[in-house]
Amino acid sequence: MQNQLGKILSEAKEQIRSASSVADTEEIRVRLLGKKGALTEILRSMGKLTPEERKEVGLLANNVRNEIEALLEDKFTQVKNAAREERFRMEKIDVTEPGHVRQLGVKHPLTITIEEISRVFMSMGFSIAEGPEVETVFNNFDALNSGPNHPARDLSDTFYITEATLLRTQTSPVQVRTLMAKEPPIMVISPGRCFRCDTPDATHSPMFHQVEGLMVDEGITMADLKGTLDSFARQLFGSSVRTKFRPHHFPFTEPSAEMDVSCFKCGGSGCRICKGSGWIEIMGCGMVHPNVLKVGDVDTEKYTGFAFGMGVERIAMLKYGVDDIRLFYENDMRFIEQFK
């Protein structure tokens, strides 16, 4: 057994000397001093020895163990220092090398436009309401006073999913949902995506964005509508912008109008943007039809309201001088980064 201890110590010295990493050194420690290690096996077998032999072998075994532990401790220190030095060498930073440019994202021009529009109306007291893009035919047409023979219901204009569901063609269904869920007074805008069966070209897209608004309260008149939208136009396009309203027809408002703003590029003198007229049409609006209010059980003898809607892409195209709506959807970073 004394010979075995001497052999274990001799082999341990050689193995520890040749270890080149922390992992190698740990493996040697387990092999020699672990629960199933060579030295541990000898210590376990000492029960077969006589008391005199056990005392002598035990002393020698403890000396061997202490020497191996000391060698291992020194070796661990060496290999850890070597590993740290190697890591420092590999991770050395050359401060003279050029840095890597981190490309930062930018907001999409449509997002910027929606946020600008929303900010103006929220400053007036409007809140934002949202609704699903997959809507019921009732909310998209029937509740908005669009009769069964209305042209917008045709398959050539609307994406139907089933006979009773479709991709909303406008964000007006959010107004219907708001009327059915809340009691007046109501002041909401509803920005979101809409879908129509349009062939993509420079001014049309099958997917586009709208911001619509609704206000319902006692004593609301056309004067409130005109004052609200005139203030909106001045805040969005500049204090010098003028507005005018032209009679129009929408099934969900009566009376209805389209609103024009004086061209913010030429000041009304005539240019390519306004096609020489000095005016640019930006939205439709009107007083909410009583039939629409009745869908939400609103007392039409007590309450009146106005509604309006505008295309976000059209506003963005006019404001930023973009002449092709398809540029908004191509995700060309050269285009989008211009709006930093």
C-alpha atoms as a PDB file:
ATOM      1  CA  MET A   1       0.000   0.000   0.000  1.00  0.00           C
ATOM      2  CA  GLN A   2       2.952   2.304   0.678  1.00  0.00           C
ATOM      3  CA  ASN A   3       4.247   1.499  -2.793  1.00  0.00           C
ATOM      4  CA  GLN A   4       0.829   2.351  -4.255  1.00  0.00           C
ATOM      5  CA  LEU A   5       0.835   5.705  -2.464  1.00  0.00           C
ATOM      6  CA  GLY A   6       4.301   6.464  -3.806  1.00  0.00           C
ATOM      7  CA  LYS A   7       3.206   5.556  -7.315  1.00  0.00           C
ATOM      8  CA  ILE A   8       0.071   7.714  -7.029  1.00  0.00           C
ATOM      9  CA  LEU A   9       2.147  10.704  -5.907  1.00  0.00           C
ATOM     10  CA  SER A  10       4.671  10.210  -8.691  1.00  0.00           C
ATOM     11  CA  GLU A  11       1.969   9.925 -11.370  1.00  0.00           C
ATOM     12  CA  ALA A  12       0.083  12.888  -9.887  1.00  0.00           C
ATOM     13  CA  LYS A  13       3.131  15.129 -10.164  1.00  0.00           C
ATOM     14  CA  GLU A  14       3.593  14.171 -13.812  1.00  0.00           C
ATOM     15  CA  GLN A  15      -0.079  14.653 -14.686  1.00  0.00           C
ATOM     16  CA  ILE A  16      -0.354  17.980 -12.879  1.00  0.00           C
ATOM     17  CA  ARG A  17       2.814  19.216 -14.564  1.00  0.00           C
ATOM     18  CA  SER A  18       1.435  18.402 -18.032  1.00  0.00           C
ATOM     19  CA  ALA A  19      -2.032  19.963 -17.451  1.00  0.00           C
ATOM     20  CA  SER A  20      -2.572  22.996 -19.684  1.00  0.00           C
ATOM     21  CA  SER A  21      -6.066  24.226 -18.755  1.00  0.00           C
ATOM     22  CA  VAL A  22      -8.476  24.585 -15.879  1.00  0.00           C
ATOM     23  CA  ALA A  23     -10.558  21.719 -17.285  1.00  0.00           C
ATOM     24  CA  ASP A  24      -7.524  19.389 -17.452  1.00  0.00           C
ATOM     25  CA  THR A  25      -6.515  20.255 -13.889  1.00  0.00           C
ATOM     26  CA  GLU A  26     -10.047  19.689 -12.586  1.00  0.00           C
ATOM     27  CA  GLU A  27     -10.170  16.314 -14.314  1.00  0.00           C
ATOM     28  CA  ILE A  28      -6.911  15.287 -12.585  1.00  0.00           C
ATOM     29  CA  ARG A  29      -8.265  16.418  -9.193  1.00  0.00           C
ATOM     30  CA  VAL A  30     -11.395  14.297  -9.601  1.00  0.00           C
ATOM     31  CA  ARG A  31      -9.368  11.303 -10.795  1.00  0.00           C
ATOM     32  CA  LEU A  32      -7.044  11.461  -7.766  1.00  0.00           C
ATOM     33  CA  LEU A  33      -9.090  12.928  -4.920  1.00  0.00           C
ATOM     34  CA  GLY A  34     -12.701  12.430  -5.974  1.00  0.00           C
ATOM     35  CA  LYS A  35     -15.132   9.958  -4.397  1.00  0.00           C
ATOM     36  CA  LYS A  36     -13.873   7.288  -6.784  1.00  0.00           C
ATOM     37  CA  GLY A  37     -10.304   8.583  -6.948  1.00  0.00           C
ATOM     38  CA  ALA A  38      -7.209   6.427  -6.556  1.00  0.00           C
ATOM     39  CA  LEU A  39      -6.206   7.943  -3.207  1.00  0.00           C
ATOM     40  CA  THR A  40      -9.751   7.666  -1.847  1.00  0.00           C
ATOM     41  CA  GLU A  41      -9.837   3.963  -2.702  1.00  0.00           C
ATOM     42  CA  ILE A  42      -6.704   3.381  -0.663  1.00  0.00           C
ATOM     43  CA  LEU A  43      -8.088   5.278   2.330  1.00  0.00           C
ATOM     44  CA  ARG A  44     -11.237   3.161   2.204  1.00  0.00           C
ATOM     45  CA  SER A  45      -9.249  -0.082   2.216  1.00  0.00           C
ATOM     46  CA  MET A  46      -7.289   0.841   5.358  1.00  0.00           C
ATOM     47  CA  GLY A  47      -9.853  -0.954   7.509  1.00  0.00           C
ATOM     48  CA  LYS A  48      -8.200  -4.265   6.616  1.00  0.00           C
ATOM     49  CA  LEU A  49      -4.876  -3.200   8.159  1.00  0.00           C
ATOM     50  CA  THR A  50      -3.669  -3.738  11.684  1.00  0.00           C
ATOM     51  CA  PRO A  51      -3.728  -0.741  14.015  1.00  0.00           C
ATOM     52  CA  GLU A  52       0.040  -0.235  13.657  1.00  0.00           C
ATOM     53  CA  GLU A  53      -0.090  -0.456   9.847  1.00  0.00           C
ATOM     54  CA  ARG A  54      -3.149   1.769   9.731  1.00  0.00           C
ATOM     55  CA  LYS A  55      -1.343   4.477  11.704  1.00  0.00           C
ATOM     56  CA  GLU A  56       1.700   4.374   9.463  1.00  0.00           C
ATOM     57  CA  VAL A  57      -0.205   4.177   6.166  1.00  0.00           C
ATOM     58  CA  GLY A  58      -2.695   6.834   7.318  1.00  0.00           C
ATOM     59  CA  LEU A  59       0.086   9.307   8.039  1.00  0.00           C
ATOM     60  CA  LEU A  60       1.680   8.636   4.652  1.00  0.00           C
ATOM     61  CA  ALA A  61      -1.671   8.892   2.842  1.00  0.00           C
ATOM     62  CA  ASN A  62      -2.443  12.245   4.472  1.00  0.00           C
ATOM     63  CA  ASN A  63       0.994  13.548   3.483  1.00  0.00           C
ATOM     64  CA  VAL A  64       0.422  12.412  -0.115  1.00  0.00           C
ATOM     65  CA  ARG A  65      -3.024  14.001  -0.139  1.00  0.00           C
ATOM     66  CA  ASN A  66      -1.728  17.299   1.235  1.00  0.00           C
ATOM     67  CA  GLU A  67       1.090  17.377  -1.310  1.00  0.00           C
ATOM     68  CA  ILE A  68      -1.277  16.648  -4.210  1.00  0.00           C
ATOM     69  CA  GLU A  69      -3.713  19.349  -3.022  1.00  0.00           C
ATOM     70  CA  ALA A  70      -0.874  21.867  -2.822  1.00  0.00           C
ATOM     71  CA  LEU A  71       0.311  20.962  -6.324  1.00  0.00           C
ATOM     72  CA  LEU A  72      -3.246  21.238  -7.643  1.00  0.00           C
ATOM     73  CA  GLU A  73      -3.750  24.624  -6.009  1.00  0.00           C
ATOM     74  CA  ASP A  74      -0.576  25.967  -7.589  1.00  0.00           C
ATOM     75  CA  LYS A  75      -1.564  24.501 -10.948  1.00  0.00           C
ATOM     76  CA  PHE A  76      -5.060  26.021 -10.778  1.00  0.00           C
ATOM     77  CA  THR A  77      -3.513  29.427 -10.129  1.00  0.00           C
ATOM     78  CA  GLN A  78      -1.131  29.011 -13.086  1.00  0.00           C
ATOM     79  CA  VAL A  79      -3.742  27.877 -15.629  1.00  0.00           C
ATOM     80  CA  LYS A  80      -6.287  30.510 -14.520  1.00  0.00           C
ATOM     81  CA  ASN A  81      -3.708  33.269 -14.894  1.00  0.00           C
ATOM     82  CA  ALA A  82      -2.678  31.884 -18.289  1.00  0.00           C
ATOM     83  CA  ALA A  83      -6.333  31.737 -19.406  1.00  0.00           C
ATOM     84  CA  ARG A  84      -6.916  35.303 -18.273  1.00  0.00           C
ATOM     85  CA  GLU A  85      -3.838  36.556 -20.091  1.00  0.00           C
ATOM     86  CA  GLU A  86      -4.921  34.753 -23.255  1.00  0.00           C
ATOM     87  CA  ARG A  87      -8.404  36.271 -22.993  1.00  0.00           C
ATOM     88  CA  PHE A  88      -6.910  39.718 -22.522  1.00  0.00           C
ATOM     89  CA  ARG A  89      -4.734  39.153 -25.568  1.00  0.00           C
ATOM     90  CA  MET A  90      -7.690  38.016 -27.692  1.00  0.00           C
ATOM     91  CA  GLU A  91      -9.970  40.774 -26.442  1.00  0.00           C
ATOM     92  CA  LYS A  92      -7.492  43.551 -26.918  1.00  0.00           C
ATOM     93  CA  ILE A  93      -9.175  46.646 -28.321  1.00  0.00           C
ATOM     94  CA  ASP A  94      -7.478  48.685 -30.984  1.00  0.00           C
ATOM     95  CA  VAL A  95      -8.823  52.171 -30.343  1.00  0.00           C
ATOM     96  CA  THR A  96      -7.431  53.342 -33.689  1.00  0.00           C
ATOM     97  CA  GLU A  97      -9.762  51.057 -35.673  1.00  0.00           C
ATOM     98  CA  PRO A  98     -12.890  52.712 -37.134  1.00  0.00           C
ATOM     99  CA  GLY A  99     -16.107  51.928 -35.289  1.00  0.00           C
ATOM    100  CA  HIS A 100     -19.126  50.082 -36.629  1.00  0.00           C
ATOM    101  CA  VAL A 101     -22.007  52.345 -37.615  1.00  0.00           C
ATOM    102  CA  ARG A 102     -25.225  51.351 -35.850  1.00  0.00           C
ATOM    103  CA  GLN A 103     -28.145  51.889 -38.189  1.00  0.00           C
ATOM    104  CA  LEU A 104     -30.994  53.431 -36.208  1.00  0.00           C
ATOM    105  CA  GLY A 105     -34.579  52.931 -37.297  1.00  0.00           C
ATOM    106  CA  VAL A 106     -36.875  55.822 -38.191  1.00  0.00           C
ATOM    107  CA  LYS A 107     -40.621  56.263 -38.023  1.00  0.00           C
ATOM    108  CA  HIS A 108     -42.568  55.569 -41.188  1.00  0.00           C
ATOM    109  CA  PRO A 109     -44.052  58.719 -42.787  1.00  0.00           C
ATOM    110  CA  LEU A 110     -47.565  57.292 -42.383  1.00  0.00           C
ATOM    111  CA  THR A 111     -46.934  56.723 -38.682  1.00  0.00           C
ATOM    112  CA  ILE A 112     -45.639  60.289 -38.377  1.00  0.00           C
ATOM    113  CA  THR A 113     -48.741  61.634 -40.138  1.00  0.00           C
ATOM    114  CA  ILE A 114     -51.164  59.604 -37.983  1.00  0.00           C
ATOM    115  CA  GLU A 115     -49.402  60.784 -34.823  1.00  0.00           C
ATOM    116  CA  GLU A 116     -49.519  64.420 -35.966  1.00  0.00           C
ATOM    117  CA  ILE A 117     -53.231  64.215 -36.795  1.00  0.00           C
ATOM    118  CA  SER A 118     -54.008  62.415 -33.538  1.00  0.00           C
ATOM    119  CA  ARG A 119     -52.004  64.928 -31.508  1.00  0.00           C
ATOM    120  CA  VAL A 120     -53.994  67.852 -32.935  1.00  0.00           C
ATOM    121  CA  PHE A 121     -57.390  66.302 -32.181  1.00  0.00           C
ATOM    122  CA  MET A 122     -56.328  65.028 -28.760  1.00  0.00           C
ATOM    123  CA  SER A 123     -55.351  68.607 -27.873  1.00  0.00           C
ATOM    124  CA  MET A 124     -59.002  69.507 -28.531  1.00  0.00           C
ATOM    125  CA  GLY A 125     -60.275  66.812 -26.163  1.00  0.00           C
ATOM    126  CA  PHE A 126     -60.809  63.911 -28.556  1.00  0.00           C
ATOM    127  CA  SER A 127     -59.784  60.405 -27.476  1.00  0.00           C
ATOM    128  CA  ILE A 128     -58.658  57.523 -29.685  1.00  0.00           C
ATOM    129  CA  ALA A 129     -60.981  54.574 -30.360  1.00  0.00           C
ATOM    130  CA  GLU A 130     -59.995  51.410 -32.203  1.00  0.00           C
ATOM    131  CA  GLY A 131     -61.875  48.531 -33.787  1.00  0.00           C
ATOM    132  CA  PRO A 132     -61.273  45.301 -35.725  1.00  0.00           C
ATOM    133  CA  GLU A 133     -60.174  45.324 -39.352  1.00  0.00           C
ATOM    134  CA  VAL A 134     -62.418  42.316 -40.040  1.00  0.00           C
ATOM    135  CA  GLU A 135     -65.889  43.794 -39.632  1.00  0.00           C
ATOM    136  CA  THR A 136     -69.520  42.824 -39.971  1.00  0.00           C
ATOM    137  CA  VAL A 137     -71.489  43.947 -42.993  1.00  0.00           C
ATOM    138  CA  PHE A 138     -73.946  45.514 -40.563  1.00  0.00           C
ATOM    139  CA  ASN A 139     -71.344  47.783 -38.928  1.00  0.00           C
ATOM    140  CA  ASN A 140     -69.645  48.636 -42.218  1.00  0.00           C
ATOM    141  CA  PHE A 141     -72.779  49.373 -44.276  1.00  0.00           C
ATOM    142  CA  ASP A 142     -76.196  48.882 -42.680  1.00  0.00           C
ATOM    143  CA  ALA A 143     -75.527  50.830 -39.483  1.00  0.00           C
ATOM    144  CA  LEU A 144     -74.029  53.645 -41.568  1.00  0.00           C
ATOM    145  CA  ASN A 145     -77.239  54.118 -43.536  1.00  0.00           C
ATOM    146  CA  SER A 146     -75.821  52.553 -46.697  1.00  0.00           C
ATOM    147  CA  GLY A 147     -78.739  50.819 -48.433  1.00  0.00           C
ATOM    148  CA  PRO A 148     -78.615  47.273 -49.845  1.00  0.00           C
ATOM    149  CA  ASN A 149     -78.071  48.626 -53.367  1.00  0.00           C
ATOM    150  CA  HIS A 150     -75.287  51.032 -52.482  1.00  0.00           C
ATOM    151  CA  PRO A 151     -72.425  50.742 -55.047  1.00  0.00           C
ATOM    152  CA  ALA A 152     -69.798  50.352 -52.308  1.00  0.00           C
ATOM    153  CA  ARG A 153     -71.299  46.951 -51.440  1.00  0.00           C
ATOM    154  CA  ASP A 154     -70.327  45.488 -54.829  1.00  0.00           C
ATOM    155  CA  LEU A 155     -67.742  42.717 -54.987  1.00  0.00           C
ATOM    156  CA  SER A 156     -65.712  44.978 -57.238  1.00  0.00           C
ATOM    157  CA  ASP A 157     -65.281  47.459 -54.362  1.00  0.00           C
ATOM    158  CA  THR A 158     -65.234  45.380 -51.163  1.00  0.00           C
ATOM    159  CA  PHE A 159     -63.261  42.383 -49.889  1.00  0.00           C
ATOM    160  CA  TYR A 160     -65.853  39.954 -48.516  1.00  0.00           C
ATOM    161  CA  ILE A 161     -64.805  37.090 -46.245  1.00  0.00           C
ATOM    162  CA  THR A 162     -68.314  35.660 -45.835  1.00  0.00           C
ATOM    163  CA  GLU A 163     -71.742  37.054 -46.610  1.00  0.00           C
ATOM    164  CA  ALA A 164     -71.784  38.661 -43.179  1.00  0.00           C
ATOM    165  CA  THR A 165     -68.122  39.669 -42.717  1.00  0.00           C
ATOM    166  CA  LEU A 166     -65.634  41.724 -44.692  1.00  0.00           C
ATOM    167  CA  LEU A 167     -62.427  43.717 -44.507  1.00  0.00           C
ATOM    168  CA  ARG A 168     -63.621  47.151 -43.435  1.00  0.00           C
ATOM    169  CA  THR A 169     -63.695  49.690 -46.232  1.00  0.00           C
ATOM    170  CA  GLN A 170     -63.478  52.628 -43.813  1.00  0.00           C
ATOM    171  CA  THR A 171     -62.898  53.266 -40.118  1.00  0.00           C
ATOM    172  CA  SER A 172     -66.497  54.477 -39.693  1.00  0.00           C
ATOM    173  CA  PRO A 173     -67.529  51.118 -38.117  1.00  0.00           C
ATOM    174  CA  VAL A 174     -65.504  52.216 -35.087  1.00  0.00           C
ATOM    175  CA  GLN A 175     -67.919  55.143 -34.765  1.00  0.00           C
ATOM    176  CA  VAL A 176     -70.836  52.693 -34.843  1.00  0.00           C
ATOM    177  CA  ARG A 177     -69.233  50.558 -32.134  1.00  0.00           C
ATOM    178  CA  THR A 178     -68.586  53.681 -30.050  1.00  0.00           C
ATOM    179  CA  LEU A 179     -72.209  54.833 -30.367  1.00  0.00           C
ATOM    180  CA  MET A 180     -73.426  51.404 -29.246  1.00  0.00           C
ATOM    181  CA  ALA A 181     -70.984  51.224 -26.328  1.00  0.00           C
ATOM    182  CA  LYS A 182     -71.017  54.768 -24.910  1.00  0.00           C
ATOM    183  CA  GLU A 183     -73.466  57.434 -23.884  1.00  0.00           C
ATOM    184  CA  PRO A 184     -73.074  61.014 -25.197  1.00  0.00           C
ATOM    185  CA  PRO A 185     -71.142  63.240 -24.959  1.00  0.00           C
ATOM    186  CA  ILE A 186     -68.748  61.474 -27.346  1.00  0.00           C
ATOM    187  CA  MET A 187     -65.520  62.833 -28.837  1.00  0.00           C
ATOM    188  CA  VAL A 188     -63.383  60.193 -30.560  1.00  0.00           C
ATOM    189  CA  ILE A 189     -61.092  59.742 -33.540  1.00  0.00           C
ATOM    190  CA  SER A 190     -60.407  56.334 -35.074  1.00  0.00           C
ATOM    191  CA  PRO A 191     -57.153  55.924 -37.016  1.00  0.00           C
ATOM    192  CA  GLY A 192     -56.580  52.595 -38.739  1.00  0.00           C
ATOM    193  CA  ARG A 193     -56.165  50.494 -41.874  1.00  0.00           C
ATOM    194  CA  CYS A 194     -58.895  50.024 -44.462  1.00  0.00           C
ATOM    195  CA  PHE A 195     -59.247  47.835 -47.534  1.00  0.00           C
ATOM    196  CA  ARG A 196     -60.922  48.245 -50.934  1.00  0.00           C
ATOM    197  CA  CYS A 197     -60.673  46.441 -54.256  1.00  0.00           C
ATOM    198  CA  ASP A 198     -58.536  49.067 -55.992  1.00  0.00           C
ATOM    199  CA  THR A 199     -55.898  48.403 -58.616  1.00  0.00           C
ATOM    200  CA  PRO A 200     -52.571  49.761 -57.304  1.00  0.00           C
ATOM    201  CA  ASP A 201     -51.324  52.846 -59.102  1.00  0.00           C
ATOM    202  CA  ALA A 202     -49.796  56.191 -58.183  1.00  0.00           C
ATOM    203  CA  THR A 203     -52.896  57.337 -56.271  1.00  0.00           C
ATOM    204  CA  HIS A 204     -54.728  54.106 -55.342  1.00  0.00           C
ATOM    205  CA  SER A 205     -53.974  51.124 -53.112  1.00  0.00           C
ATOM    206  CA  PRO A 206     -56.070  48.149 -51.967  1.00  0.00           C
ATOM    207  CA  MET A 207     -54.829  48.858 -48.428  1.00  0.00           C
ATOM    208  CA  PHE A 208     -54.743  52.375 -47.022  1.00  0.00           C
ATOM    209  CA  HIS A 209     -55.181  54.317 -43.772  1.00  0.00           C
ATOM    210  CA  GLN A 210     -57.896  56.652 -42.547  1.00  0.00           C
ATOM    211  CA  VAL A 211     -58.530  58.846 -39.543  1.00  0.00           C
ATOM    212  CA  GLU A 212     -62.197  59.441 -38.848  1.00  0.00           C
ATOM    213  CA  GLY A 213     -63.752  61.496 -36.093  1.00  0.00           C
ATOM    214  CA  LEU A 214     -67.075  61.658 -34.280  1.00  0.00           C
ATOM    215  CA  MET A 215     -68.539  64.189 -31.890  1.00  0.00           C
ATOM    216  CA  VAL A 216     -72.013  63.791 -30.362  1.00  0.00           C
ATOM    217  CA  ASP A 217     -73.510  66.086 -27.721  1.00  0.00           C
ATOM    218  CA  GLU A 218     -76.371  68.481 -27.109  1.00  0.00           C
ATOM    219  CA  GLY A 219     -76.527  71.467 -29.434  1.00  0.00           C
ATOM    220  CA  ILE A 220     -73.841  70.374 -31.905  1.00  0.00           C
ATOM    221  CA  THR A 221     -74.173  72.276 -35.188  1.00  0.00           C
ATOM    222  CA  MET A 222     -72.435  72.640 -38.534  1.00  0.00           C
ATOM    223  CA  ALA A 223     -70.655  75.655 -37.061  1.00  0.00           C
ATOM    224  CA  ASP A 224     -68.953  73.371 -34.512  1.00  0.00           C
ATOM    225  CA  LEU A 225     -67.849  71.063 -37.328  1.00  0.00           C
ATOM    226  CA  LYS A 226     -66.417  73.911 -39.390  1.00  0.00           C
ATOM    227  CA  GLY A 227     -64.670  75.496 -36.408  1.00  0.00           C
ATOM    228  CA  THR A 228     -63.111  72.185 -35.327  1.00  0.00           C
ATOM    229  CA  LEU A 229     -61.822  71.276 -38.783  1.00  0.00           C
ATOM    230  CA  ASP A 230     -60.622  74.823 -39.505  1.00  0.00           C
ATOM    231  CA  SER A 231     -58.575  74.735 -36.286  1.00  0.00           C
ATOM    232  CA  PHE A 232     -57.248  71.285 -37.218  1.00  0.00           C
ATOM    233  CA  ALA A 233     -56.109  72.471 -40.668  1.00  0.00           C
ATOM    234  CA  ARG A 234     -54.301  75.492 -39.231  1.00  0.00           C
ATOM    235  CA  GLN A 235     -52.458  73.381 -36.666  1.00  0.00           C
ATOM    236  CA  LEU A 236     -51.470  70.719 -39.196  1.00  0.00           C
ATOM    237  CA  PHE A 237     -50.614  72.834 -42.257  1.00  0.00           C
ATOM    238  CA  GLY A 238     -49.827  76.252 -40.787  1.00  0.00           C
ATOM    239  CA  SER A 239     -51.660  79.270 -39.406  1.00  0.00           C
ATOM    240  CA  SER A 240     -51.967  80.910 -42.854  1.00  0.00           C
ATOM    241  CA  VAL A 241     -54.020  78.029 -44.313  1.00  0.00           C
ATOM    242  CA  ARG A 242     -57.623  78.832 -45.244  1.00  0.00           C
ATOM    243  CA  THR A 243     -60.497  76.339 -45.503  1.00  0.00           C
ATOM    244  CA  LYS A 244     -63.691  76.059 -47.482  1.00  0.00           C
ATOM    245  CA  PHE A 245     -66.550  73.570 -47.502  1.00  0.00           C
ATOM    246  CA  ARG A 246     -68.350  72.307 -50.605  1.00  0.00           C
ATOM    247  CA  PRO A 247     -71.722  70.491 -50.562  1.00  0.00           C
ATOM    248  CA  HIS A 248     -71.448  66.751 -51.087  1.00  0.00           C
ATOM    249  CA  HIS A 249     -73.313  63.537 -50.295  1.00  0.00           C
ATOM    250  CA  PHE A 250     -72.495  60.712 -47.897  1.00  0.00           C
ATOM    251  CA  PRO A 251     -75.157  58.252 -46.730  1.00  0.00           C
ATOM    252  CA  PHE A 252     -74.119  58.538 -43.086  1.00  0.00           C
ATOM    253  CA  THR A 253     -74.132  62.370 -42.821  1.00  0.00           C
ATOM    254  CA  GLU A 254     -76.765  64.984 -43.660  1.00  0.00           C
ATOM    255  CA  PRO A 255     -75.917  67.660 -44.631  1.00  0.00           C
ATOM    256  CA  SER A 256     -72.560  66.511 -46.031  1.00  0.00           C
ATOM    257  CA  ALA A 257     -69.554  68.414 -47.291  1.00  0.00           C
ATOM    258  CA  GLU A 258     -66.027  68.086 -48.574  1.00  0.00           C
ATOM    259  CA  MET A 259     -63.393  70.319 -47.026  1.00  0.00           C
ATOM    260  CA  ASP A 260     -60.640  72.019 -49.020  1.00  0.00           C
ATOM    261  CA  VAL A 261     -57.584  73.816 -47.705  1.00  0.00           C
ATOM    262  CA  SER A 262     -55.691  76.550 -49.485  1.00  0.00           C
ATOM    263  CA  CYS A 263     -52.585  75.106 -51.083  1.00  0.00           C
ATOM    264  CA  PHE A 264     -49.810  75.187 -48.518  1.00  0.00           C
ATOM    265  CA  LYS A 265     -47.176  75.024 -51.266  1.00  0.00           C
ATOM    266  CA  CYS A 266     -48.174  78.045 -53.338  1.00  0.00           C
ATOM    267  CA  GLY A 267     -50.384  79.875 -50.832  1.00  0.00           C
ATOM    268  CA  GLY A 268     -53.353  79.665 -53.178  1.00  0.00           C
ATOM    269  CA  SER A 269     -51.775  81.209 -56.271  1.00  0.00           C
ATOM    270  CA  GLY A 270     -51.793  77.897 -58.180  1.00  0.00           C
ATOM    271  CA  CYS A 271     -49.156  75.210 -58.638  1.00  0.00           C
ATOM    272  CA  ARG A 272     -48.624  71.581 -59.614  1.00  0.00           C
ATOM    273  CA  ILE A 273     -49.731  70.308 -56.183  1.00  0.00           C
ATOM    274  CA  CYS A 274     -53.143  72.015 -56.321  1.00  0.00           C
ATOM    275  CA  LYS A 275     -53.400  71.639 -60.116  1.00  0.00           C
ATOM    276  CA  GLY A 276     -53.580  75.389 -60.507  1.00  0.00           C
ATOM    277  CA  SER A 277     -56.764  75.815 -58.465  1.00  0.00           C
ATOM    278  CA  GLY A 278     -55.170  77.082 -55.276  1.00  0.00           C
ATOM    279  CA  TRP A 279     -57.222  74.581 -53.228  1.00  0.00           C
ATOM    280  CA  ILE A 280     -56.690  70.983 -52.112  1.00  0.00           C
ATOM    281  CA  GLU A 281     -59.487  68.626 -51.021  1.00  0.00           C
ATOM    282  CA  ILE A 282     -58.455  66.730 -47.855  1.00  0.00           C
ATOM    283  CA  MET A 283     -61.555  65.193 -46.261  1.00  0.00           C
ATOM    284  CA  GLY A 284     -65.281  64.534 -46.205  1.00  0.00           C
ATOM    285  CA  CYS A 285     -67.495  65.550 -43.308  1.00  0.00           C
ATOM    286  CA  GLY A 286     -71.029  66.362 -42.226  1.00  0.00           C
ATOM    287  CA  MET A 287     -73.668  66.159 -39.536  1.00  0.00           C
ATOM    288  CA  VAL A 288     -74.299  62.579 -38.400  1.00  0.00           C
ATOM    289  CA  HIS A 289     -77.455  61.196 -39.988  1.00  0.00           C
ATOM    290  CA  PRO A 290     -80.218  60.518 -37.434  1.00  0.00           C
ATOM    291  CA  ASN A 291     -80.444  56.906 -38.680  1.00  0.00           C
ATOM    292  CA  VAL A 292     -76.827  56.353 -37.619  1.00  0.00           C
ATOM    293  CA  LEU A 293     -77.451  57.837 -34.172  1.00  0.00           C
ATOM    294  CA  LYS A 294     -80.479  55.571 -33.701  1.00  0.00           C
ATOM    295  CA  VAL A 295     -78.249  52.504 -34.117  1.00  0.00           C
ATOM    296  CA  GLY A 296     -76.678  53.455 -30.789  1.00  0.00           C
ATOM    297  CA  ASP A 297     -80.071  54.302 -29.234  1.00  0.00           C
ATOM    298  CA  VAL A 298     -79.099  57.964 -29.125  1.00  0.00           C
ATOM    299  CA  ASP A 299     -82.037  60.321 -28.591  1.00  0.00           C
ATOM    300  CA  THR A 300     -82.025  62.321 -31.825  1.00  0.00           C
ATOM    301  CA  GLU A 301     -84.386  64.917 -30.320  1.00  0.00           C
ATOM    302  CA  LYS A 302     -81.770  65.710 -27.690  1.00  0.00           C
ATOM    303  CA  TYR A 303     -78.423  65.000 -29.322  1.00  0.00           C
ATOM    304  CA  THR A 304     -76.786  65.878 -32.616  1.00  0.00           C
ATOM    305  CA  GLY A 305     -73.285  65.253 -33.864  1.00  0.00           C
ATOM    306  CA  PHE A 306     -70.772  65.636 -36.642  1.00  0.00           C
ATOM    307  CA  ALA A 307     -68.343  63.215 -38.277  1.00  0.00           C
ATOM    308  CA  PHE A 308     -65.379  63.540 -40.606  1.00  0.00           C
ATOM    309  CA  GLY A 309     -62.884  61.297 -42.325  1.00  0.00           C
ATOM    310  CA  MET A 310     -59.606  61.754 -44.134  1.00  0.00           C
ATOM    311  CA  GLY A 311     -57.111  59.549 -45.956  1.00  0.00           C
ATOM    312  CA  VAL A 312     -53.749  59.471 -44.181  1.00  0.00           C
ATOM    313  CA  GLU A 313     -51.838  58.682 -47.370  1.00  0.00           C
ATOM    314  CA  ARG A 314     -53.382  61.688 -49.116  1.00  0.00           C
ATOM    315  CA  ILE A 315     -52.434  63.996 -46.243  1.00  0.00           C
ATOM    316  CA  ALA A 316     -48.883  62.590 -46.188  1.00  0.00           C
ATOM    317  CA  MET A 317     -48.515  62.873 -49.962  1.00  0.00           C
ATOM    318  CA  LEU A 318     -49.640  66.488 -49.895  1.00  0.00           C
ATOM    319  CA  LYS A 319     -47.603  67.488 -46.882  1.00  0.00           C
ATOM    320  CA  TYR A 320     -44.345  65.810 -47.942  1.00  0.00           C
ATOM    321  CA  GLY A 321     -44.640  66.190 -51.706  1.00  0.00           C
ATOM    322  CA  VAL A 322     -44.832  62.439 -52.451  1.00  0.00           C
ATOM    323  CA  ASP A 323     -46.285  61.786 -55.913  1.00  0.00           C
ATOM    324  CA  ASP A 324     -46.730  57.984 -55.767  1.00  0.00           C
ATOM    325  CA  ILE A 325     -48.659  56.242 -52.963  1.00  0.00           C
ATOM    326  CA  ARG A 326     -46.802  52.979 -53.639  1.00  0.00           C
ATOM    327  CA  LEU A 327     -43.642  54.467 -52.167  1.00  0.00           C
ATOM    328  CA  PHE A 328     -45.220  54.188 -48.705  1.00  0.00           C
ATOM    329  CA  TYR A 329     -45.469  50.389 -48.971  1.00  0.00           C
ATOM    330  CA  GLU A 330     -42.197  49.398 -50.648  1.00  0.00           C
ATOM    331  CA  ASN A 331     -40.166  49.718 -47.408  1.00  0.00           C
ATOM    332  CA  ASP A 332     -37.259  51.256 -49.283  1.00  0.00           C
ATOM    333  CA  MET A 333     -35.042  52.644 -46.521  1.00  0.00           C
ATOM    334  CA  ARG A 334     -33.677  55.293 -48.880  1.00  0.00           C
ATOM    335  CA  PHE A 335     -37.204  56.719 -49.017  1.00  0.00           C
ATOM    336  CA  ILE A 336     -38.166  56.209 -45.358  1.00  0.00           C
ATOM    337  CA  GLU A 337     -34.917  57.684 -43.972  1.00  0.00           C
ATOM    338  CA  GLN A 338     -35.776  61.027 -45.563  1.00  0.00           C
ATOM    339  CA  PHE A 339     -38.361  61.512 -42.813  1.00  0.00           C
ATOM    340  CA  LYS A 340     -35.923  61.459 -39.853  1.00  0.00           C
END
